[in-house]
């Protein structure tokens, strides 16, 4: 059964001494970037202090995972039902790329989006990934609406 929500609760993977936990930042649709950043930081502190309750990890609609902090080059994140998608962000490594017909070394980061095709159309998923790519390459595009 597909359930449509009128809110966005983002789960964020957080490493703790006891393992990975995925607390939920609630009602993100009502937050600006500073609110989101502060909320994620607060959840991270709570997780590292072993102060998360089960309710803090229940009910996310989308997950963000950053395996790059552990040196991950690439991977396929797995959806945690009933969520609609998960974004996996990996490490930044120097890689050979072609620019203007020349092979040059540039920092590269792979991102991966796994999504439920019953809920998310492929075109919108790729458009979302391109938006994330632009934001990572130049954060001003997100922060200043460029």
C-alpha atoms as a PDB file:
ATOM      1  CA  UNK A   1       0.000   0.000   0.000  1.00  0.00           C
ATOM      2  CA  UNK A   2       1.313   3.440  -0.946  1.00  0.00           C
ATOM      3  CA  UNK A   3       0.866   6.144   1.692  1.00  0.00           C
ATOM      4  CA  UNK A   4       1.322   9.769   0.653  1.00  0.00           C
ATOM      5  CA  UNK A   5       2.656  12.118   3.323  1.00  0.00           C
ATOM      6  CA  UNK A   6       2.346  15.883   3.510  1.00  0.00           C
ATOM      7  CA  UNK A   7       5.607  16.208   5.427  1.00  0.00           C
ATOM      8  CA  UNK A   8       9.284  15.428   4.897  1.00  0.00           C
ATOM      9  CA  UNK A   9      11.140  13.553   7.648  1.00  0.00           C
ATOM     10  CA  UNK A  10      14.777  12.999   6.696  1.00  0.00           C
ATOM     11  CA  UNK A  11      16.732  10.146   8.253  1.00  0.00           C
ATOM     12  CA  UNK A  12      20.449  10.826   8.606  1.00  0.00           C
ATOM     13  CA  UNK A  13      22.961   8.038   9.130  1.00  0.00           C
ATOM     14  CA  UNK A  14      25.207   8.755  12.140  1.00  0.00           C
ATOM     15  CA  UNK A  15      28.198   6.694  13.256  1.00  0.00           C
ATOM     16  CA  UNK A  16      28.453   6.080  16.993  1.00  0.00           C
ATOM     17  CA  UNK A  17      30.900   4.021  19.053  1.00  0.00           C
ATOM     18  CA  UNK A  18      28.239   1.281  19.171  1.00  0.00           C
ATOM     19  CA  UNK A  19      27.514   1.329  15.425  1.00  0.00           C
ATOM     20  CA  UNK A  20      25.465   3.155  12.838  1.00  0.00           C
ATOM     21  CA  UNK A  21      22.131   4.693  13.831  1.00  0.00           C
ATOM     22  CA  UNK A  22      19.672   6.593  11.665  1.00  0.00           C
ATOM     23  CA  UNK A  23      17.787   9.291  13.601  1.00  0.00           C
ATOM     24  CA  UNK A  24      15.068  11.330  11.896  1.00  0.00           C
ATOM     25  CA  UNK A  25      15.000  15.095  11.404  1.00  0.00           C
ATOM     26  CA  UNK A  26      11.288  15.883  11.344  1.00  0.00           C
ATOM     27  CA  UNK A  27       9.291  18.393   9.285  1.00  0.00           C
ATOM     28  CA  UNK A  28      12.245  19.422   7.133  1.00  0.00           C
ATOM     29  CA  UNK A  29       9.856  21.046   4.639  1.00  0.00           C
ATOM     30  CA  UNK A  30       9.431  23.883   7.182  1.00  0.00           C
ATOM     31  CA  UNK A  31      13.193  24.448   7.710  1.00  0.00           C
ATOM     32  CA  UNK A  32      15.841  26.584   6.064  1.00  0.00           C
ATOM     33  CA  UNK A  33      19.420  25.384   5.515  1.00  0.00           C
ATOM     34  CA  UNK A  34      20.634  26.682   8.890  1.00  0.00           C
ATOM     35  CA  UNK A  35      17.773  24.907  10.700  1.00  0.00           C
ATOM     36  CA  UNK A  36      18.570  21.665   8.872  1.00  0.00           C
ATOM     37  CA  UNK A  37      22.280  21.912   9.649  1.00  0.00           C
ATOM     38  CA  UNK A  38      21.606  22.635  13.323  1.00  0.00           C
ATOM     39  CA  UNK A  39      19.045  19.833  13.518  1.00  0.00           C
ATOM     40  CA  UNK A  40      21.450  17.306  12.028  1.00  0.00           C
ATOM     41  CA  UNK A  41      24.207  18.461  14.408  1.00  0.00           C
ATOM     42  CA  UNK A  42      21.848  18.073  17.383  1.00  0.00           C
ATOM     43  CA  UNK A  43      20.857  14.564  16.274  1.00  0.00           C
ATOM     44  CA  UNK A  44      24.529  13.663  15.854  1.00  0.00           C
ATOM     45  CA  UNK A  45      25.350  14.834  19.394  1.00  0.00           C
ATOM     46  CA  UNK A  46      22.361  12.983  20.771  1.00  0.00           C
ATOM     47  CA  UNK A  47      23.429   9.814  18.936  1.00  0.00           C
ATOM     48  CA  UNK A  48      27.040  10.022  20.093  1.00  0.00           C
ATOM     49  CA  UNK A  49      25.868  10.551  23.685  1.00  0.00           C
ATOM     50  CA  UNK A  50      23.696   7.421  23.416  1.00  0.00           C
ATOM     51  CA  UNK A  51      20.625   9.569  24.125  1.00  0.00           C
ATOM     52  CA  UNK A  52      18.423   8.593  21.167  1.00  0.00           C
ATOM     53  CA  UNK A  53      15.043   7.039  21.859  1.00  0.00           C
ATOM     54  CA  UNK A  54      13.404   4.534  19.507  1.00  0.00           C
ATOM     55  CA  UNK A  55      10.992   7.317  18.496  1.00  0.00           C
ATOM     56  CA  UNK A  56      13.964   9.374  17.262  1.00  0.00           C
ATOM     57  CA  UNK A  57      14.687   6.721  14.631  1.00  0.00           C
ATOM     58  CA  UNK A  58      11.164   5.883  13.503  1.00  0.00           C
ATOM     59  CA  UNK A  59       9.223   7.138  10.515  1.00  0.00           C
ATOM     60  CA  UNK A  60      11.645   8.791   8.102  1.00  0.00           C
ATOM     61  CA  UNK A  61      10.502   9.347   4.516  1.00  0.00           C
ATOM     62  CA  UNK A  62      14.000   9.679   2.953  1.00  0.00           C
ATOM     63  CA  UNK A  63      17.541   8.857   4.132  1.00  0.00           C
ATOM     64  CA  UNK A  64      20.885  10.539   3.585  1.00  0.00           C
ATOM     65  CA  UNK A  65      23.970   8.385   4.139  1.00  0.00           C
ATOM     66  CA  UNK A  66      27.546   9.621   3.881  1.00  0.00           C
ATOM     67  CA  UNK A  67      29.829   6.621   3.577  1.00  0.00           C
ATOM     68  CA  UNK A  68      32.506   8.998   2.354  1.00  0.00           C
ATOM     69  CA  UNK A  69      33.507   9.815   5.915  1.00  0.00           C
ATOM     70  CA  UNK A  70      34.721   6.196   6.141  1.00  0.00           C
ATOM     71  CA  UNK A  71      36.542   6.335   2.806  1.00  0.00           C
ATOM     72  CA  UNK A  72      33.831   4.754   0.657  1.00  0.00           C
ATOM     73  CA  UNK A  73      34.499   5.181  -3.058  1.00  0.00           C
ATOM     74  CA  UNK A  74      31.163   3.874  -4.293  1.00  0.00           C
ATOM     75  CA  UNK A  75      28.225   1.775  -3.187  1.00  0.00           C
ATOM     76  CA  UNK A  76      24.529   1.214  -3.628  1.00  0.00           C
ATOM     77  CA  UNK A  77      22.455   2.337  -0.663  1.00  0.00           C
ATOM     78  CA  UNK A  78      19.464   0.177   0.228  1.00  0.00           C
ATOM     79  CA  UNK A  79      16.027   1.657   0.925  1.00  0.00           C
ATOM     80  CA  UNK A  80      14.661   1.114   4.398  1.00  0.00           C
ATOM     81  CA  UNK A  81      10.896   0.579   3.843  1.00  0.00           C
ATOM     82  CA  UNK A  82       8.555   2.392   4.024  1.00  0.00           C
ATOM     83  CA  UNK A  83      10.882   5.173   2.873  1.00  0.00           C
ATOM     84  CA  UNK A  84      10.771   6.338  -0.717  1.00  0.00           C
ATOM     85  CA  UNK A  85      14.500   6.760  -1.365  1.00  0.00           C
ATOM     86  CA  UNK A  86      18.026   6.945   0.026  1.00  0.00           C
ATOM     87  CA  UNK A  87      20.872   9.192  -1.106  1.00  0.00           C
ATOM     88  CA  UNK A  88      24.365   7.776  -0.676  1.00  0.00           C
ATOM     89  CA  UNK A  89      27.238  10.235  -0.756  1.00  0.00           C
ATOM     90  CA  UNK A  90      30.738   8.819  -1.011  1.00  0.00           C
ATOM     91  CA  UNK A  91      34.293  10.021  -0.493  1.00  0.00           C
ATOM     92  CA  UNK A  92      36.099  12.661  -2.516  1.00  0.00           C
ATOM     93  CA  UNK A  93      39.112  11.209  -4.316  1.00  0.00           C
ATOM     94  CA  UNK A  94      41.384  12.501  -7.044  1.00  0.00           C
ATOM     95  CA  UNK A  95      40.513  10.789 -10.323  1.00  0.00           C
ATOM     96  CA  UNK A  96      41.546  11.241 -13.956  1.00  0.00           C
ATOM     97  CA  UNK A  97      38.881  13.036 -15.987  1.00  0.00           C
ATOM     98  CA  UNK A  98      38.756  14.604 -19.426  1.00  0.00           C
ATOM     99  CA  UNK A  99      38.479  18.400 -19.570  1.00  0.00           C
ATOM    100  CA  UNK A 100      38.780  20.210 -22.911  1.00  0.00           C
ATOM    101  CA  UNK A 101      40.229  17.108 -24.560  1.00  0.00           C
ATOM    102  CA  UNK A 102      42.924  16.679 -21.911  1.00  0.00           C
ATOM    103  CA  UNK A 103      43.165  14.096 -19.130  1.00  0.00           C
ATOM    104  CA  UNK A 104      43.525  15.972 -15.846  1.00  0.00           C
ATOM    105  CA  UNK A 105      43.298  15.021 -12.178  1.00  0.00           C
ATOM    106  CA  UNK A 106      40.232  16.394 -10.393  1.00  0.00           C
ATOM    107  CA  UNK A 107      38.498  15.690  -7.100  1.00  0.00           C
ATOM    108  CA  UNK A 108      35.521  13.390  -7.744  1.00  0.00           C
ATOM    109  CA  UNK A 109      32.713  12.201  -5.501  1.00  0.00           C
ATOM    110  CA  UNK A 110      30.202   9.537  -6.462  1.00  0.00           C
ATOM    111  CA  UNK A 111      26.621   9.942  -5.337  1.00  0.00           C
ATOM    112  CA  UNK A 112      23.939   7.292  -5.626  1.00  0.00           C
ATOM    113  CA  UNK A 113      20.182   7.441  -5.301  1.00  0.00           C
ATOM    114  CA  UNK A 114      18.145   4.324  -4.729  1.00  0.00           C
ATOM    115  CA  UNK A 115      14.416   4.904  -4.984  1.00  0.00           C
ATOM    116  CA  UNK A 116      11.106   3.105  -5.161  1.00  0.00           C
ATOM    117  CA  UNK A 117       9.991   3.359  -8.803  1.00  0.00           C
ATOM    118  CA  UNK A 118       6.364   3.061  -7.723  1.00  0.00           C
ATOM    119  CA  UNK A 119       6.760   6.428  -5.992  1.00  0.00           C
ATOM    120  CA  UNK A 120       9.516   8.247  -7.829  1.00  0.00           C
ATOM    121  CA  UNK A 121       9.755   8.672 -11.593  1.00  0.00           C
ATOM    122  CA  UNK A 122      13.225   8.119 -13.048  1.00  0.00           C
ATOM    123  CA  UNK A 123      13.316  11.511 -14.740  1.00  0.00           C
ATOM    124  CA  UNK A 124      12.653  13.303 -11.442  1.00  0.00           C
ATOM    125  CA  UNK A 125      15.229  11.134  -9.679  1.00  0.00           C
ATOM    126  CA  UNK A 126      17.933  12.045 -12.203  1.00  0.00           C
ATOM    127  CA  UNK A 127      16.933  15.715 -12.044  1.00  0.00           C
ATOM    128  CA  UNK A 128      17.260  15.539  -8.246  1.00  0.00           C
ATOM    129  CA  UNK A 129      20.727  13.958  -8.558  1.00  0.00           C
ATOM    130  CA  UNK A 130      21.821  16.699 -10.957  1.00  0.00           C
ATOM    131  CA  UNK A 131      20.624  19.289  -8.423  1.00  0.00           C
ATOM    132  CA  UNK A 132      22.624  17.587  -5.677  1.00  0.00           C
ATOM    133  CA  UNK A 133      25.664  17.467  -7.993  1.00  0.00           C
ATOM    134  CA  UNK A 134      25.384  21.202  -8.673  1.00  0.00           C
ATOM    135  CA  UNK A 135      25.040  21.927  -4.967  1.00  0.00           C
ATOM    136  CA  UNK A 136      28.105  19.873  -4.056  1.00  0.00           C
ATOM    137  CA  UNK A 137      30.177  21.446  -6.830  1.00  0.00           C
ATOM    138  CA  UNK A 138      29.081  24.973  -5.934  1.00  0.00           C
ATOM    139  CA  UNK A 139      27.103  25.323  -2.670  1.00  0.00           C
ATOM    140  CA  UNK A 140      26.090  28.865  -3.630  1.00  0.00           C
ATOM    141  CA  UNK A 141      23.584  27.319  -6.054  1.00  0.00           C
ATOM    142  CA  UNK A 142      21.628  25.936  -3.100  1.00  0.00           C
ATOM    143  CA  UNK A 143      22.305  28.534  -0.439  1.00  0.00           C
ATOM    144  CA  UNK A 144      21.649  31.555  -2.632  1.00  0.00           C
ATOM    145  CA  UNK A 145      19.152  30.064  -5.065  1.00  0.00           C
ATOM    146  CA  UNK A 146      21.444  30.585  -8.072  1.00  0.00           C
END
